[in-house]
Amino acid sequence: MAVSFKCFDCGAELKFTDRVGLREECPHCRADVHVCRNCKFYDPKVYNECREPQAERILERDRTNRCDYFSPGSRGEDEKSKADQLKAAAEALFKKRDS
């Protein structure tokens, strides 16, 4: 099963043939890959910054960890696109009309 997601640090597309190993690094920025910030459960807005209720507390979210619930995913892109959509809507609402 191929795994594909974006690096939390540089945004580069990462592709793995099977699974993400504990010692994997991003080939573009050399950031650790098996980290909370690359996990689909990572959410800075919830308790413990993780949507998986059984996961142990991790202090360094951008460093390799041995979390058993790690599942690669890119949440940052979703948040950025939502923020861009909201900003565009606000600009359209308050845009000065040419009369």
N, C-alpha and C. Protein backbone atom coordinates (compact mmCIF):
# COMPACT_ATOMS: atom_id res chain seq x y z
N MET A 1 0.84 -1.18 0.00
CA MET A 1 0.00 0.00 0.00
C MET A 1 0.89 1.24 0.00
N ALA A 2 0.74 2.10 -0.96
CA ALA A 2 1.54 3.32 -1.05
C ALA A 2 0.97 4.39 -0.11
N VAL A 3 1.87 5.15 0.50
CA VAL A 3 1.50 6.21 1.42
C VAL A 3 2.02 7.52 0.86
N SER A 4 1.16 8.54 0.80
CA SER A 4 1.55 9.84 0.27
C SER A 4 0.94 10.94 1.12
N PHE A 5 1.77 11.92 1.50
CA PHE A 5 1.30 13.07 2.28
C PHE A 5 2.33 14.18 2.20
N LYS A 6 2.02 15.34 2.77
CA LYS A 6 2.93 16.48 2.70
C LYS A 6 3.70 16.65 4.00
N CYS A 7 4.95 17.05 3.88
CA CYS A 7 5.81 17.30 5.04
C CYS A 7 5.26 18.50 5.82
N PHE A 8 5.18 18.38 7.13
CA PHE A 8 4.66 19.46 7.95
C PHE A 8 5.57 20.68 7.91
N ASP A 9 6.86 20.47 7.66
CA ASP A 9 7.84 21.55 7.76
C ASP A 9 7.98 22.33 6.46
N CYS A 10 8.17 21.64 5.35
CA CYS A 10 8.43 22.34 4.08
C CYS A 10 7.29 22.20 3.07
N GLY A 11 6.34 21.31 3.31
CA GLY A 11 5.21 21.14 2.41
C GLY A 11 5.48 20.25 1.21
N ALA A 12 6.67 19.65 1.15
CA ALA A 12 7.01 18.77 0.03
C ALA A 12 6.17 17.50 0.09
N GLU A 13 5.84 16.97 -1.08
CA GLU A 13 5.08 15.73 -1.17
C GLU A 13 6.00 14.56 -0.80
N LEU A 14 5.59 13.75 0.16
CA LEU A 14 6.36 12.58 0.60
C LEU A 14 5.64 11.32 0.16
N LYS A 15 6.37 10.38 -0.39
CA LYS A 15 5.78 9.12 -0.84
C LYS A 15 6.59 7.95 -0.29
N PHE A 16 5.87 6.98 0.27
CA PHE A 16 6.49 5.78 0.82
C PHE A 16 5.75 4.57 0.25
N THR A 17 6.49 3.51 -0.05
CA THR A 17 5.88 2.34 -0.68
C THR A 17 5.04 1.51 0.28
N ASP A 18 5.44 1.42 1.53
CA ASP A 18 4.73 0.56 2.46
C ASP A 18 4.24 1.33 3.69
N ARG A 19 5.15 1.72 4.55
CA ARG A 19 4.79 2.46 5.76
C ARG A 19 5.91 3.42 6.08
N VAL A 20 5.66 4.34 7.00
CA VAL A 20 6.65 5.33 7.39
C VAL A 20 7.45 4.77 8.57
N GLY A 21 8.74 4.63 8.39
CA GLY A 21 9.61 4.12 9.45
C GLY A 21 9.93 5.19 10.48
N LEU A 22 10.38 4.76 11.64
CA LEU A 22 10.70 5.69 12.73
C LEU A 22 11.85 6.62 12.38
N ARG A 23 12.77 6.19 11.57
CA ARG A 23 13.96 7.00 11.26
C ARG A 23 13.87 7.74 9.93
N GLU A 24 12.71 7.77 9.33
CA GLU A 24 12.54 8.44 8.04
C GLU A 24 12.70 9.95 8.19
N GLU A 25 13.30 10.57 7.17
CA GLU A 25 13.47 12.02 7.13
C GLU A 25 12.95 12.54 5.79
N CYS A 26 12.50 13.78 5.77
CA CYS A 26 12.08 14.42 4.54
C CYS A 26 13.33 14.64 3.68
N PRO A 27 13.33 14.20 2.44
CA PRO A 27 14.52 14.38 1.60
C PRO A 27 14.78 15.84 1.23
N HIS A 28 13.80 16.72 1.41
CA HIS A 28 13.96 18.12 1.03
C HIS A 28 14.47 18.98 2.17
N CYS A 29 13.93 18.81 3.38
CA CYS A 29 14.32 19.67 4.51
C CYS A 29 14.96 18.91 5.66
N ARG A 30 15.03 17.59 5.55
CA ARG A 30 15.65 16.73 6.56
C ARG A 30 14.88 16.68 7.89
N ALA A 31 13.62 17.09 7.90
CA ALA A 31 12.80 17.02 9.11
C ALA A 31 12.37 15.58 9.34
N ASP A 32 12.20 15.20 10.61
CA ASP A 32 11.69 13.87 10.93
C ASP A 32 10.30 13.72 10.32
N VAL A 33 9.95 12.50 9.91
CA VAL A 33 8.66 12.26 9.26
C VAL A 33 7.65 11.59 10.18
N HIS A 34 8.10 10.65 11.02
CA HIS A 34 7.18 9.93 11.93
C HIS A 34 6.94 10.80 13.16
N VAL A 35 6.21 11.90 12.95
CA VAL A 35 5.96 12.88 14.00
C VAL A 35 4.47 13.20 14.09
N CYS A 36 4.05 13.73 15.22
CA CYS A 36 2.64 14.08 15.41
C CYS A 36 2.13 15.03 14.34
N ARG A 37 2.94 16.00 13.96
CA ARG A 37 2.49 17.02 13.02
C ARG A 37 2.26 16.47 11.61
N ASN A 38 2.72 15.26 11.33
CA ASN A 38 2.45 14.61 10.04
C ASN A 38 1.34 13.57 10.17
N CYS A 39 0.71 13.47 11.31
CA CYS A 39 -0.31 12.46 11.57
C CYS A 39 -1.71 13.01 11.30
N LYS A 40 -2.58 12.16 10.80
CA LYS A 40 -3.96 12.61 10.53
C LYS A 40 -4.73 12.92 11.81
N PHE A 41 -4.26 12.43 12.95
CA PHE A 41 -4.94 12.70 14.22
C PHE A 41 -4.48 13.99 14.89
N TYR A 42 -3.42 14.60 14.39
CA TYR A 42 -2.89 15.83 14.99
C TYR A 42 -3.88 16.97 14.80
N ASP A 43 -4.21 17.64 15.90
CA ASP A 43 -5.11 18.78 15.85
C ASP A 43 -4.77 19.69 17.03
N PRO A 44 -4.14 20.83 16.77
CA PRO A 44 -3.72 21.71 17.86
C PRO A 44 -4.88 22.32 18.65
N LYS A 45 -6.10 22.14 18.17
CA LYS A 45 -7.26 22.75 18.83
C LYS A 45 -7.93 21.84 19.86
N VAL A 46 -7.50 20.59 19.97
CA VAL A 46 -8.14 19.67 20.91
C VAL A 46 -7.19 19.33 22.06
N TYR A 47 -7.75 18.72 23.10
CA TYR A 47 -6.96 18.31 24.26
C TYR A 47 -5.82 17.40 23.81
N ASN A 48 -4.66 17.64 24.33
CA ASN A 48 -3.45 16.86 24.03
C ASN A 48 -3.04 16.98 22.56
N GLU A 49 -3.66 17.88 21.81
CA GLU A 49 -3.37 18.12 20.40
C GLU A 49 -3.49 16.86 19.55
N CYS A 50 -4.36 15.93 19.96
CA CYS A 50 -4.52 14.67 19.25
C CYS A 50 -5.98 14.24 19.31
N ARG A 51 -6.55 13.86 18.15
CA ARG A 51 -7.93 13.41 18.10
C ARG A 51 -8.08 11.93 18.41
N GLU A 52 -6.96 11.23 18.65
CA GLU A 52 -7.02 9.82 19.06
C GLU A 52 -7.03 9.80 20.59
N PRO A 53 -8.15 9.45 21.21
CA PRO A 53 -8.28 9.54 22.67
C PRO A 53 -7.37 8.59 23.46
N GLN A 54 -6.90 7.52 22.85
CA GLN A 54 -6.07 6.56 23.58
C GLN A 54 -4.57 6.84 23.44
N ALA A 55 -4.20 7.80 22.64
CA ALA A 55 -2.78 8.09 22.42
C ALA A 55 -2.15 8.71 23.66
N GLU A 56 -0.90 8.35 23.91
CA GLU A 56 -0.18 8.93 25.03
C GLU A 56 0.22 10.37 24.71
N ARG A 57 0.48 11.15 25.74
CA ARG A 57 0.86 12.54 25.57
C ARG A 57 2.28 12.62 25.02
N ILE A 58 2.46 13.39 23.97
CA ILE A 58 3.76 13.61 23.35
C ILE A 58 4.09 15.09 23.52
N LEU A 59 5.27 15.39 24.04
CA LEU A 59 5.63 16.78 24.27
C LEU A 59 6.22 17.45 23.03
N GLU A 60 7.08 16.76 22.32
CA GLU A 60 7.71 17.34 21.14
C GLU A 60 7.00 16.82 19.89
N ARG A 61 6.07 17.60 19.37
CA ARG A 61 5.22 17.18 18.26
C ARG A 61 5.94 17.16 16.91
N ASP A 62 7.11 17.76 16.83
CA ASP A 62 7.84 17.79 15.57
C ASP A 62 9.10 16.92 15.60
N ARG A 63 9.17 16.01 16.56
CA ARG A 63 10.30 15.08 16.67
C ARG A 63 9.78 13.65 16.57
N THR A 64 10.62 12.74 16.08
CA THR A 64 10.23 11.33 15.96
C THR A 64 9.72 10.80 17.29
N ASN A 65 8.63 10.04 17.24
CA ASN A 65 8.10 9.40 18.45
C ASN A 65 7.59 8.01 18.10
N ARG A 66 7.31 7.23 19.10
CA ARG A 66 6.89 5.84 18.92
C ARG A 66 5.39 5.65 19.14
N CYS A 67 4.60 6.62 18.78
CA CYS A 67 3.15 6.52 18.96
C CYS A 67 2.60 5.38 18.09
N ASP A 68 1.84 4.49 18.71
CA ASP A 68 1.26 3.35 18.00
C ASP A 68 0.09 3.76 17.09
N TYR A 69 -0.44 4.95 17.29
CA TYR A 69 -1.60 5.40 16.52
C TYR A 69 -1.22 6.28 15.33
N PHE A 70 0.06 6.45 15.08
CA PHE A 70 0.50 7.30 13.97
C PHE A 70 -0.09 6.80 12.66
N SER A 71 -0.72 7.73 11.95
CA SER A 71 -1.28 7.44 10.63
C SER A 71 -1.00 8.66 9.76
N PRO A 72 -0.20 8.51 8.71
CA PRO A 72 0.19 9.66 7.90
C PRO A 72 -1.00 10.41 7.33
N GLY A 73 -0.92 11.71 7.39
CA GLY A 73 -1.96 12.56 6.84
C GLY A 73 -1.51 14.00 6.86
N SER A 74 -2.16 14.83 6.08
CA SER A 74 -1.81 16.24 6.01
C SER A 74 -2.99 17.09 6.42
N ARG A 75 -2.99 17.56 7.65
CA ARG A 75 -4.07 18.43 8.12
C ARG A 75 -3.77 19.89 7.82
N GLY A 76 -2.52 20.24 7.70
CA GLY A 76 -2.14 21.64 7.47
C GLY A 76 -2.73 22.21 6.20
N GLU A 77 -2.77 21.42 5.14
CA GLU A 77 -3.32 21.90 3.87
C GLU A 77 -4.80 22.24 4.00
N ASP A 78 -5.55 21.40 4.72
CA ASP A 78 -6.97 21.66 4.90
C ASP A 78 -7.19 22.97 5.64
N GLU A 79 -6.38 23.20 6.69
CA GLU A 79 -6.52 24.41 7.48
C GLU A 79 -6.14 25.64 6.67
N LYS A 80 -5.09 25.54 5.85
CA LYS A 80 -4.67 26.67 5.03
C LYS A 80 -5.74 27.02 4.01
N SER A 81 -6.31 26.01 3.35
CA SER A 81 -7.31 26.30 2.33
C SER A 81 -8.58 26.89 2.96
N LYS A 82 -8.96 26.43 4.14
CA LYS A 82 -10.11 27.01 4.82
C LYS A 82 -9.83 28.46 5.19
N ALA A 83 -8.63 28.72 5.68
CA ALA A 83 -8.25 30.09 6.05
C ALA A 83 -8.26 30.99 4.82
N ASP A 84 -7.77 30.49 3.69
CA ASP A 84 -7.77 31.27 2.46
C ASP A 84 -9.20 31.55 2.00
N GLN A 85 -10.07 30.57 2.13
CA GLN A 85 -11.47 30.75 1.74
C GLN A 85 -12.15 31.80 2.62
N LEU A 86 -11.90 31.74 3.92
CA LEU A 86 -12.50 32.71 4.83
C LEU A 86 -11.98 34.12 4.55
N LYS A 87 -10.69 34.22 4.30
CA LYS A 87 -10.09 35.52 4.00
C LYS A 87 -10.69 36.11 2.71
N ALA A 88 -10.82 35.29 1.68
CA ALA A 88 -11.40 35.75 0.42
C ALA A 88 -12.85 36.19 0.61
N ALA A 89 -13.60 35.45 1.42
CA ALA A 89 -14.99 35.82 1.69
C ALA A 89 -15.07 37.15 2.43
N ALA A 90 -14.18 37.36 3.40
CA ALA A 90 -14.17 38.61 4.15
C ALA A 90 -13.78 39.78 3.25
N GLU A 91 -12.79 39.57 2.39
CA GLU A 91 -12.37 40.63 1.48
C GLU A 91 -13.49 40.98 0.50
N ALA A 92 -14.20 39.97 0.04
CA ALA A 92 -15.32 40.22 -0.87
C ALA A 92 -16.44 40.98 -0.17
N LEU A 93 -16.66 40.67 1.08
CA LEU A 93 -17.72 41.32 1.85
C LEU A 93 -17.42 42.79 2.08
N PHE A 94 -16.17 43.11 2.38
CA PHE A 94 -15.80 44.49 2.71
C PHE A 94 -15.10 45.22 1.57
N LYS A 95 -15.15 44.64 0.38
CA LYS A 95 -14.50 45.23 -0.78
C LYS A 95 -15.18 46.56 -1.12
N LYS A 96 -14.36 47.55 -1.43
CA LYS A 96 -14.87 48.86 -1.78
C LYS A 96 -15.51 48.80 -3.16
N ARG A 97 -16.70 49.26 -3.27
CA ARG A 97 -17.41 49.26 -4.54
C ARG A 97 -17.08 50.52 -5.32
N ASP A 98 -16.88 50.33 -6.61
CA ASP A 98 -16.63 51.49 -7.48
C ASP A 98 -17.98 52.02 -7.95
N SER A 99 -18.27 53.27 -7.61
CA SER A 99 -19.56 53.85 -7.99
C SER A 99 -19.37 54.95 -9.00
